[in-house]
């Protein structure tokens, strides 16, 4: 049987649960369902289970604006975030709307019916008026895997963080973590607590910033003000400070780079020089900064239980890793923290009136909809600050849009593809230079050079645009079911 709902949300992670909460809050009369491929709530925060997993954004902005974060930790661990998402779903009644084990494979739009038909891997079919993709852009199937020469010779265990075995015991073992990004800098101090030795092996360094795991000012504000008001004040404070911090770094890259290196140097042991291990070849925020709460990475390095090597890999050997410098790193376990694999739309095959939609050819309208694709939105967050800041704005915009359709008797809306073509040279929608993003860029949607086809990394500007800007902005086209016109014209 086919189930029909007004809105179909794909994904029951941080974004999908938040979208469902907003839909219930803003449009309580709408019917909806959440399709989740896995058998539990949580998305990324349930999938990744490697030691030490945590957020790299403060929870006052990564959390939902409508549900205050109560834990004293501002930089939270993965299990705490997972519990927060699940308890939010329960508190707002979202859990009852989730259809677990429904991996969406295809979705096709019919203009004559003004609806989407969605098919799942095990044969279920859903129809909906509006389709909202909230599964992010990380592939849940596998991370980026590098085929290092000699892997078959290594006598120990090789592990990718995305598929961390629950039975893996690293106690007393020599561990080499290959990588320099957020996952690597999280793993090293977590493993160092019980491993005999942990080496972070990087081809090139990243910018690393240490900050307290607790926000002392936030604690004082929460002690003085009522819970909801305190949450708003702290969230606003962090948004403003984060925006200023980012803008200063982008406008004064040389000074920012020098300041970041100086802060790192003050926390390193004498045996580990800043150069080459902490001097990236790019400007701050060309790639995402790596956050280390309470300087745990530097404490591990100072303890002597961890070290860092900047070199290139020649091959794996039976006992470890051979490097271009001629040095060999002994290892019992090798962790390949070599990055994630990105995929647009959760890998769903989309079509409009029989025409296949190729993700890499799409232009993003307000970072959320796509030229020529009716009644569909994609929920993605910021790269320079908390994911949820933008994800929640996108959900609020979708609710505004649905309300506008209802009030005016429209069946569908679609960004005008001709407008997208005139928005300037296409650029990657994820505007960072990280390797995993550059590898995926050809298959991801693009952004233009001006509004509304530009994906801004500025919450304050997007807040005004997404919540207060006109819905009928001259770019969105609207139609009624009786029109029988092709919505994607």
Protein backbone atom coordinates (compact mmCIF):
# COMPACT_ATOMS: atom_id res chain seq x y z
CA UNK A 1 0.00 0.00 0.00
CA UNK A 2 1.07 3.59 -0.63
CA UNK A 3 1.10 6.00 2.29
CA UNK A 4 0.48 9.67 1.52
CA UNK A 5 1.58 12.59 3.72
CA UNK A 6 1.88 16.32 3.19
CA UNK A 7 5.60 16.37 3.99
CA UNK A 8 8.08 13.52 3.80
CA UNK A 9 11.33 14.04 5.73
CA UNK A 10 14.29 11.78 4.89
CA UNK A 11 16.65 11.14 7.80
CA UNK A 12 16.13 10.92 11.57
CA UNK A 13 19.36 12.52 12.69
CA UNK A 14 20.03 15.95 14.13
CA UNK A 15 18.58 17.73 11.07
CA UNK A 16 15.59 15.45 10.48
CA UNK A 17 14.39 15.52 14.07
CA UNK A 18 14.78 19.29 14.14
CA UNK A 19 12.84 19.62 10.87
CA UNK A 20 9.98 17.52 12.25
CA UNK A 21 9.85 19.61 15.43
CA UNK A 22 9.67 22.84 13.41
CA UNK A 23 6.96 21.42 11.16
CA UNK A 24 4.82 20.48 14.16
CA UNK A 25 5.42 23.85 15.77
CA UNK A 26 4.74 26.05 12.73
CA UNK A 27 2.23 23.92 10.77
CA UNK A 28 0.50 21.63 13.26
CA UNK A 29 -2.15 20.55 10.75
CA UNK A 30 0.34 19.02 8.33
CA UNK A 31 0.70 15.27 8.10
CA UNK A 32 4.26 14.02 7.87
CA UNK A 33 6.52 11.00 8.16
CA UNK A 34 10.25 10.61 8.67
CA UNK A 35 11.98 7.87 6.68
CA UNK A 36 15.12 6.54 8.35
CA UNK A 37 17.35 3.96 6.65
CA UNK A 38 18.74 2.64 9.90
CA UNK A 39 16.90 1.17 12.87
CA UNK A 40 17.50 3.97 15.34
CA UNK A 41 17.43 7.75 15.80
CA UNK A 42 20.62 9.81 15.74
CA UNK A 43 22.15 9.77 12.27
CA UNK A 44 25.85 10.61 12.37
CA UNK A 45 25.87 10.65 16.15
CA UNK A 46 24.75 7.03 16.26
CA UNK A 47 26.83 5.88 13.29
CA UNK A 48 30.24 7.12 14.52
CA UNK A 49 31.38 5.29 17.63
CA UNK A 50 35.14 5.69 17.66
CA UNK A 51 36.84 6.56 20.97
CA UNK A 52 36.47 10.15 22.09
CA UNK A 53 33.88 11.16 19.48
CA UNK A 54 32.58 14.65 20.25
CA UNK A 55 31.27 17.82 18.68
CA UNK A 56 33.63 20.46 17.35
CA UNK A 57 30.97 23.14 17.87
CA UNK A 58 29.51 24.41 21.12
CA UNK A 59 26.22 22.77 22.05
CA UNK A 60 24.44 26.08 22.57
CA UNK A 61 24.53 26.52 18.79
CA UNK A 62 24.74 22.87 17.69
CA UNK A 63 21.68 22.16 19.82
CA UNK A 64 18.17 23.21 18.86
CA UNK A 65 17.11 26.79 19.58
CA UNK A 66 13.73 25.52 20.82
CA UNK A 67 15.22 23.02 23.31
CA UNK A 68 17.89 24.35 25.67
CA UNK A 69 21.07 22.37 26.17
CA UNK A 70 21.22 21.62 29.91
CA UNK A 71 24.47 19.70 30.24
CA UNK A 72 27.36 21.70 31.77
CA UNK A 73 29.67 20.62 28.93
CA UNK A 74 29.68 23.16 26.11
CA UNK A 75 31.76 20.82 23.91
CA UNK A 76 29.89 17.55 24.27
CA UNK A 77 30.78 13.93 23.65
CA UNK A 78 28.93 11.83 21.10
CA UNK A 79 26.78 9.81 23.53
CA UNK A 80 25.53 13.02 25.18
CA UNK A 81 24.55 14.50 21.81
CA UNK A 82 22.84 11.27 20.80
CA UNK A 83 20.83 11.25 24.02
CA UNK A 84 19.84 14.89 23.40
CA UNK A 85 18.56 14.13 19.88
CA UNK A 86 16.60 11.09 21.00
CA UNK A 87 15.08 12.80 24.02
CA UNK A 88 14.05 15.72 21.80
CA UNK A 89 12.32 13.33 19.41
CA UNK A 90 10.45 11.77 22.33
CA UNK A 91 9.56 15.06 24.00
CA UNK A 92 8.10 16.52 20.78
CA UNK A 93 6.31 13.35 19.69
CA UNK A 94 8.47 12.89 16.60
CA UNK A 95 9.41 9.27 17.29
CA UNK A 96 5.93 8.03 16.45
CA UNK A 97 6.26 9.51 12.95
CA UNK A 98 9.55 7.76 12.11
CA UNK A 99 9.53 4.76 9.77
CA UNK A 100 12.71 2.86 10.58
CA UNK A 101 14.47 0.61 8.09
CA UNK A 102 13.24 2.64 5.11
CA UNK A 103 16.21 3.43 2.89
CA UNK A 104 15.00 5.74 0.13
CA UNK A 105 16.26 4.73 -3.31
CA UNK A 106 14.19 6.79 -5.75
CA UNK A 107 11.91 9.81 -5.76
CA UNK A 108 10.01 11.03 -8.82
CA UNK A 109 7.95 14.20 -9.23
CA UNK A 110 4.81 14.30 -11.34
CA UNK A 111 3.69 17.77 -12.38
CA UNK A 112 0.25 16.56 -13.39
CA UNK A 113 -0.31 15.19 -9.89
CA UNK A 114 1.80 17.82 -8.11
CA UNK A 115 3.35 15.21 -5.84
CA UNK A 116 6.43 13.11 -5.23
CA UNK A 117 6.42 9.31 -5.32
CA UNK A 118 9.13 7.89 -3.09
CA UNK A 119 10.33 4.27 -3.20
CA UNK A 120 12.38 2.52 -0.51
CA UNK A 121 14.82 -0.37 -0.73
CA UNK A 122 12.43 -2.97 0.65
CA UNK A 123 9.57 -2.06 -1.66
CA UNK A 124 7.51 0.47 0.31
CA UNK A 125 6.03 3.45 -1.54
CA UNK A 126 5.14 6.87 -0.18
CA UNK A 127 3.68 9.92 -1.85
CA UNK A 128 3.96 13.46 -0.58
CA UNK A 129 3.32 17.04 -1.51
CA UNK A 130 6.75 18.22 -0.34
CA UNK A 131 9.98 16.25 0.00
CA UNK A 132 12.59 17.40 2.53
CA UNK A 133 15.99 15.68 2.44
CA UNK A 134 17.63 15.85 5.87
CA UNK A 135 20.27 13.14 5.58
CA UNK A 136 23.19 15.56 5.22
CA UNK A 137 25.98 14.82 2.75
CA UNK A 138 28.13 12.14 4.43
CA UNK A 139 27.92 8.64 3.01
CA UNK A 140 26.87 6.18 5.70
CA UNK A 141 28.11 3.27 3.62
CA UNK A 142 31.82 4.01 3.91
CA UNK A 143 34.37 6.72 4.46
CA UNK A 144 37.18 7.65 2.10
CA UNK A 145 39.48 4.65 1.86
CA UNK A 146 43.07 4.93 0.62
CA UNK A 147 44.65 1.81 -0.85
CA UNK A 148 48.05 2.06 0.80
CA UNK A 149 50.73 -0.20 -0.71
CA UNK A 150 51.51 -3.22 1.41
CA UNK A 151 48.32 -3.24 3.47
CA UNK A 152 47.98 -7.00 3.07
CA UNK A 153 51.40 -7.44 4.68
CA UNK A 154 50.53 -5.65 7.94
CA UNK A 155 50.27 -8.18 10.76
CA UNK A 156 48.10 -6.01 13.02
CA UNK A 157 44.63 -4.51 12.64
CA UNK A 158 43.65 -1.75 10.20
CA UNK A 159 40.58 0.26 11.23
CA UNK A 160 38.61 3.09 9.63
CA UNK A 161 36.95 5.33 12.26
CA UNK A 162 33.58 5.15 10.50
CA UNK A 163 33.50 1.39 11.13
CA UNK A 164 35.08 1.13 14.55
CA UNK A 165 34.83 -2.43 15.92
CA UNK A 166 33.28 -2.54 19.38
CA UNK A 167 35.60 -5.44 20.23
CA UNK A 168 38.82 -3.59 19.38
CA UNK A 169 41.14 -3.44 22.40
CA UNK A 170 43.94 -0.91 22.09
CA UNK A 171 45.16 -1.25 25.68
CA UNK A 172 48.93 -1.42 25.76
CA UNK A 173 49.13 -1.35 21.97
CA UNK A 174 51.16 0.83 19.63
CA UNK A 175 48.72 2.81 17.50
CA UNK A 176 49.38 4.90 14.40
CA UNK A 177 46.56 7.27 13.43
CA UNK A 178 46.86 8.39 9.80
CA UNK A 179 45.26 11.80 9.34
CA UNK A 180 45.32 15.41 10.48
CA UNK A 181 41.65 16.40 10.62
CA UNK A 182 39.01 16.53 13.30
CA UNK A 183 38.73 12.74 13.63
CA UNK A 184 42.49 12.27 14.07
CA UNK A 185 42.87 15.00 16.69
CA UNK A 186 39.94 13.48 18.58
CA UNK A 187 41.26 9.93 18.44
CA UNK A 188 44.84 10.61 19.54
CA UNK A 189 44.13 11.82 23.11
CA UNK A 190 41.33 9.28 23.57
CA UNK A 191 43.57 6.37 22.58
CA UNK A 192 46.60 7.71 24.46
CA UNK A 193 44.86 7.17 27.78
CA UNK A 194 45.37 3.40 27.56
CA UNK A 195 47.56 2.64 24.53
CA UNK A 196 51.29 2.24 25.05
CA UNK A 197 52.03 4.80 22.32
CA UNK A 198 49.94 6.76 19.82
CA UNK A 199 51.47 8.47 16.78
CA UNK A 200 49.52 10.92 14.65
CA UNK A 201 50.94 10.55 11.15
CA UNK A 202 50.02 13.41 8.84
CA UNK A 203 50.98 14.27 5.30
CA UNK A 204 50.19 17.94 5.93
CA UNK A 205 49.12 19.80 9.08
CA UNK A 206 45.83 21.48 10.00
CA UNK A 207 45.07 24.55 12.07
CA UNK A 208 44.24 23.47 15.61
CA UNK A 209 42.53 25.58 18.25
CA UNK A 210 42.23 24.70 21.93
CA UNK A 211 39.32 26.00 23.98
CA UNK A 212 37.74 25.08 27.32
CA UNK A 213 35.22 22.28 27.28
CA UNK A 214 33.04 24.35 29.61
CA UNK A 215 31.85 27.87 28.87
CA UNK A 216 32.36 29.79 32.13
CA UNK A 217 30.40 32.85 30.97
CA UNK A 218 27.54 30.64 29.80
CA UNK A 219 27.48 28.96 33.20
CA UNK A 220 27.14 32.33 34.92
CA UNK A 221 24.38 33.43 32.55
CA UNK A 222 22.48 30.19 33.10
CA UNK A 223 22.79 30.61 36.84
CA UNK A 224 21.26 34.10 36.72
CA UNK A 225 18.53 33.90 34.06
CA UNK A 226 15.54 31.63 33.44
CA UNK A 227 16.39 28.59 31.33
CA UNK A 228 14.90 29.63 27.99
CA UNK A 229 16.11 33.22 28.22
CA UNK A 230 19.59 32.08 29.24
CA UNK A 231 19.70 29.72 26.27
CA UNK A 232 18.83 32.56 23.91
CA UNK A 233 21.44 34.89 25.41
CA UNK A 234 24.22 32.29 25.35
CA UNK A 235 23.31 31.17 21.85
CA UNK A 236 23.31 34.76 20.62
CA UNK A 237 26.63 35.45 22.30
CA UNK A 238 28.24 32.44 20.64
CA UNK A 239 26.78 33.26 17.23
CA UNK A 240 28.10 36.83 17.32
CA UNK A 241 31.54 35.88 18.65
CA UNK A 242 31.86 33.00 16.20
CA UNK A 243 30.90 35.24 13.27
CA UNK A 244 33.41 37.92 14.29
CA UNK A 245 36.13 35.32 14.80
CA UNK A 246 35.56 33.87 11.33
CA UNK A 247 35.39 37.25 9.60
CA UNK A 248 38.61 38.45 11.24
CA UNK A 249 40.45 35.31 10.18
CA UNK A 250 39.28 35.59 6.59
CA UNK A 251 40.11 39.29 6.36
CA UNK A 252 43.48 39.08 8.15
CA UNK A 253 44.76 35.61 7.23
CA UNK A 254 48.45 36.26 7.88
CA UNK A 255 47.86 37.67 11.34
CA UNK A 256 45.36 34.94 12.16
CA UNK A 257 47.78 32.24 11.03
CA UNK A 258 50.58 33.70 13.15
CA UNK A 259 48.31 33.97 16.18
CA UNK A 260 47.13 30.36 15.84
CA UNK A 261 50.71 29.10 15.54
CA UNK A 262 51.75 31.12 18.58
CA UNK A 263 48.95 29.66 20.68
CA UNK A 264 49.92 26.13 19.61
CA UNK A 265 53.60 26.73 20.34
CA UNK A 266 52.80 27.70 23.91
CA UNK A 267 51.21 24.30 24.52
CA UNK A 268 53.74 21.97 22.89
CA UNK A 269 56.55 20.12 24.64
CA UNK A 270 60.09 21.15 23.67
CA UNK A 271 60.53 17.91 21.73
CA UNK A 272 57.81 18.82 19.20
CA UNK A 273 58.44 21.92 17.04
CA UNK A 274 55.63 23.98 15.58
CA UNK A 275 57.21 23.77 12.13
CA UNK A 276 56.46 21.53 10.28
CA UNK A 277 53.83 19.85 12.42
CA UNK A 278 51.52 22.84 12.95
CA UNK A 279 52.21 25.13 9.99
CA UNK A 280 49.55 24.49 7.31
CA UNK A 281 50.14 25.50 3.71
CA UNK A 282 46.77 27.27 3.47
CA UNK A 283 45.02 30.18 5.18
CA UNK A 284 42.73 29.71 8.19
CA UNK A 285 39.26 28.53 7.14
CA UNK A 286 40.36 27.42 3.68
CA UNK A 287 39.76 24.20 5.56
CA UNK A 288 37.78 23.78 8.75
CA UNK A 289 39.69 24.48 11.98
CA UNK A 290 40.15 21.52 14.32
CA UNK A 291 38.91 22.11 17.85
CA UNK A 292 40.51 20.41 20.85
CA UNK A 293 38.55 20.93 24.08
CA UNK A 294 40.59 21.53 27.22
CA UNK A 295 43.75 21.20 25.06
CA UNK A 296 43.50 17.39 25.35
CA UNK A 297 45.64 16.76 22.27
CA UNK A 298 48.44 18.93 23.63
CA UNK A 299 48.20 17.31 27.05
CA UNK A 300 48.63 13.91 25.39
CA UNK A 301 51.68 15.18 23.49
CA UNK A 302 53.20 16.64 26.66
CA UNK A 303 52.63 13.39 28.55
CA UNK A 304 54.87 11.48 26.17
CA UNK A 305 52.09 8.96 25.41
CA UNK A 306 51.50 10.55 22.00
CA UNK A 307 53.60 12.15 19.32
CA UNK A 308 53.16 13.61 15.85
CA UNK A 309 55.01 12.85 12.60
CA UNK A 310 54.73 14.85 9.38
CA UNK A 311 55.83 12.69 6.48
CA UNK A 312 54.59 10.68 3.51
CA UNK A 313 53.82 6.99 3.48
CA UNK A 314 55.81 4.69 1.22
CA UNK A 315 54.11 1.46 2.24
CA UNK A 316 52.76 -0.61 5.08
CA UNK A 317 55.03 -3.35 6.34
CA UNK A 318 54.37 -6.36 8.54
CA UNK A 319 55.27 -4.35 11.64
CA UNK A 320 54.08 -0.83 10.83
CA UNK A 321 54.52 2.01 8.33
CA UNK A 322 57.53 2.90 6.19
CA UNK A 323 57.95 6.63 5.44
CA UNK A 324 59.62 8.62 2.67
CA UNK A 325 62.16 9.98 5.15
CA UNK A 326 63.38 6.44 5.73
CA UNK A 327 61.82 6.27 9.18
CA UNK A 328 59.62 3.34 10.17
CA UNK A 329 56.72 3.63 12.64
CA UNK A 330 56.02 0.40 14.54
CA UNK A 331 52.34 -0.35 15.06
CA UNK A 332 49.98 -2.99 16.36
CA UNK A 333 46.94 -1.03 15.13
CA UNK A 334 46.71 1.42 12.23
CA UNK A 335 43.74 3.80 12.14
CA UNK A 336 43.09 5.27 8.70
CA UNK A 337 41.39 8.59 9.55
CA UNK A 338 41.67 9.54 5.88
CA UNK A 339 38.41 11.42 5.55
CA UNK A 340 34.75 11.03 4.77
CA UNK A 341 32.97 10.33 1.53
CA UNK A 342 30.40 12.90 0.46
CA UNK A 343 27.24 12.12 -1.46
CA UNK A 344 24.41 14.45 -2.51
CA UNK A 345 20.79 13.77 -1.55
CA UNK A 346 21.70 10.62 0.36
CA UNK A 347 22.36 8.87 -2.94
CA UNK A 348 18.65 9.05 -3.88
CA UNK A 349 17.90 8.94 -7.62
CA UNK A 350 15.68 11.97 -8.30
CA UNK A 351 13.61 12.65 -11.39
CA UNK A 352 11.14 15.34 -12.47
CA UNK A 353 8.52 14.28 -15.03
CA UNK A 354 10.79 11.46 -16.14
CA UNK A 355 13.89 13.66 -16.40
CA UNK A 356 16.78 12.47 -14.21
CA UNK A 357 18.18 15.09 -11.84
CA UNK A 358 21.98 15.00 -11.73
CA UNK A 359 23.14 16.52 -8.41
CA UNK A 360 26.37 17.93 -9.83
CA UNK A 361 24.44 19.94 -12.43
CA UNK A 362 22.09 21.64 -9.94
CA UNK A 363 22.32 25.21 -8.65
CA UNK A 364 21.25 25.73 -5.06
CA UNK A 365 18.63 28.37 -4.30
CA UNK A 366 19.28 29.80 -0.82
CA UNK A 367 21.41 26.72 -0.27
CA UNK A 368 18.21 24.72 0.11
CA UNK A 369 16.20 24.26 -3.14
CA UNK A 370 17.24 23.71 -6.76
CA UNK A 371 16.45 25.34 -10.08
CA UNK A 372 13.77 23.39 -11.96
CA UNK A 373 13.08 20.94 -9.10
CA UNK A 374 9.63 21.53 -7.53
CA UNK A 375 8.64 21.08 -3.88
CA UNK A 376 11.98 19.74 -2.73
CA UNK A 377 14.46 21.05 -0.19
CA UNK A 378 17.86 19.80 0.99
CA UNK A 379 18.93 20.53 4.54
CA UNK A 380 22.64 21.33 4.90
CA UNK A 381 24.44 23.28 7.58
CA UNK A 382 27.37 25.66 7.83
CA UNK A 383 31.00 24.69 7.41
CA UNK A 384 32.37 27.63 9.42
CA UNK A 385 30.11 27.22 12.47
CA UNK A 386 27.52 24.89 13.95
CA UNK A 387 25.65 22.74 11.44
CA UNK A 388 22.34 23.28 13.20
CA UNK A 389 22.40 27.06 12.86
CA UNK A 390 21.77 26.84 9.15
CA UNK A 391 19.84 23.56 9.23
CA UNK A 392 17.26 25.14 11.54
CA UNK A 393 17.00 28.23 9.31
CA UNK A 394 16.36 25.95 6.34
CA UNK A 395 13.58 24.16 8.23
CA UNK A 396 12.00 27.44 9.23
CA UNK A 397 12.14 28.58 5.60
CA UNK A 398 10.48 25.36 4.44
CA UNK A 399 7.67 25.95 6.95
CA UNK A 400 7.25 29.55 5.72
CA UNK A 401 7.14 28.31 2.15
CA UNK A 402 4.52 25.63 2.87
CA UNK A 403 2.40 28.18 4.73
CA UNK A 404 2.61 30.55 1.75
CA UNK A 405 1.49 27.80 -0.64
CA UNK A 406 -1.51 27.03 1.57
CA UNK A 407 -2.58 30.64 2.01
CA UNK A 408 -2.48 31.28 -1.73
CA UNK A 409 -3.91 28.00 -2.94
CA UNK A 410 -0.74 26.89 -4.72
CA UNK A 411 0.19 23.26 -5.23
CA UNK A 412 3.86 23.72 -5.95
CA UNK A 413 6.79 26.10 -6.05
CA UNK A 414 10.02 25.84 -8.02
CA UNK A 415 13.10 28.07 -8.29
CA UNK A 416 13.42 29.43 -11.80
CA UNK A 417 16.26 27.62 -13.55
CA UNK A 418 16.85 30.55 -15.93
CA UNK A 419 17.60 32.77 -12.94
CA UNK A 420 20.20 30.28 -11.76
CA UNK A 421 21.94 30.37 -15.12
CA UNK A 422 22.44 34.11 -14.76
CA UNK A 423 23.88 33.97 -11.26
CA UNK A 424 27.53 33.80 -12.27
CA UNK A 425 30.13 31.08 -12.54
CA UNK A 426 29.18 27.91 -10.59
CA UNK A 427 31.23 27.16 -7.51
CA UNK A 428 31.15 24.18 -5.12
CA UNK A 429 28.33 24.40 -2.60
CA UNK A 430 30.77 23.35 0.14
CA UNK A 431 33.35 26.08 -0.23
CA UNK A 432 36.35 24.53 1.53
CA UNK A 433 39.63 23.16 0.19
CA UNK A 434 39.70 19.96 2.25
CA UNK A 435 40.63 16.85 0.30
CA UNK A 436 37.42 14.96 0.94
CA UNK A 437 35.37 17.96 -0.26
CA UNK A 438 37.43 18.51 -3.41
CA UNK A 439 37.13 14.82 -4.30
CA UNK A 440 33.34 14.99 -4.06
CA UNK A 441 32.81 18.45 -5.62
CA UNK A 442 31.95 17.29 -9.17
CA UNK A 443 28.99 15.28 -7.88
CA UNK A 444 27.63 17.91 -5.47
CA UNK A 445 25.27 20.80 -6.31
CA UNK A 446 26.81 24.16 -7.07
CA UNK A 447 26.26 27.70 -5.88
CA UNK A 448 26.36 30.92 -7.87
CA UNK A 449 28.05 34.24 -7.25
CA UNK A 450 25.11 36.25 -5.95
CA UNK A 451 21.89 35.92 -4.01
CA UNK A 452 19.73 33.90 -3.88
CA UNK A 453 22.00 31.37 -5.59
CA UNK A 454 24.91 31.95 -3.23
CA UNK A 455 25.49 29.75 -0.17
CA UNK A 456 26.57 32.29 2.43
CA UNK A 457 28.50 31.28 5.52
CA UNK A 458 26.95 33.99 7.68
CA UNK A 459 24.15 33.16 10.09
CA UNK A 460 23.23 36.77 10.84
CA UNK A 461 22.66 37.58 7.15
CA UNK A 462 20.84 34.31 6.53
CA UNK A 463 18.66 34.87 9.58
CA UNK A 464 17.25 38.04 8.03
CA UNK A 465 16.89 36.48 4.60
CA UNK A 466 15.40 33.09 5.50
CA UNK A 467 13.06 34.28 8.24
CA UNK A 468 12.11 37.77 7.08
CA UNK A 469 12.74 37.93 3.33
CA UNK A 470 9.88 37.77 0.84
CA UNK A 471 8.83 34.27 -0.17
CA UNK A 472 7.59 35.53 -3.57
CA UNK A 473 10.97 37.02 -4.44
CA UNK A 474 10.60 36.87 -8.22
CA UNK A 475 12.80 33.76 -8.44
CA UNK A 476 10.38 31.21 -7.02
CA UNK A 477 7.61 30.23 -9.42
CA UNK A 478 4.25 29.04 -8.11
CA UNK A 479 1.46 26.98 -9.65
CA UNK A 480 -1.87 25.37 -8.88
CA UNK A 481 -2.73 21.72 -9.38
CA UNK A 482 -5.38 22.72 -11.92
CA UNK A 483 -2.74 24.38 -14.10
CA UNK A 484 -1.47 21.01 -15.36
CA UNK A 485 1.60 22.93 -16.46
CA UNK A 486 5.06 21.49 -16.13
CA UNK A 487 6.27 22.71 -12.76
CA UNK A 488 9.91 22.49 -13.78
CA UNK A 489 9.57 24.87 -16.71
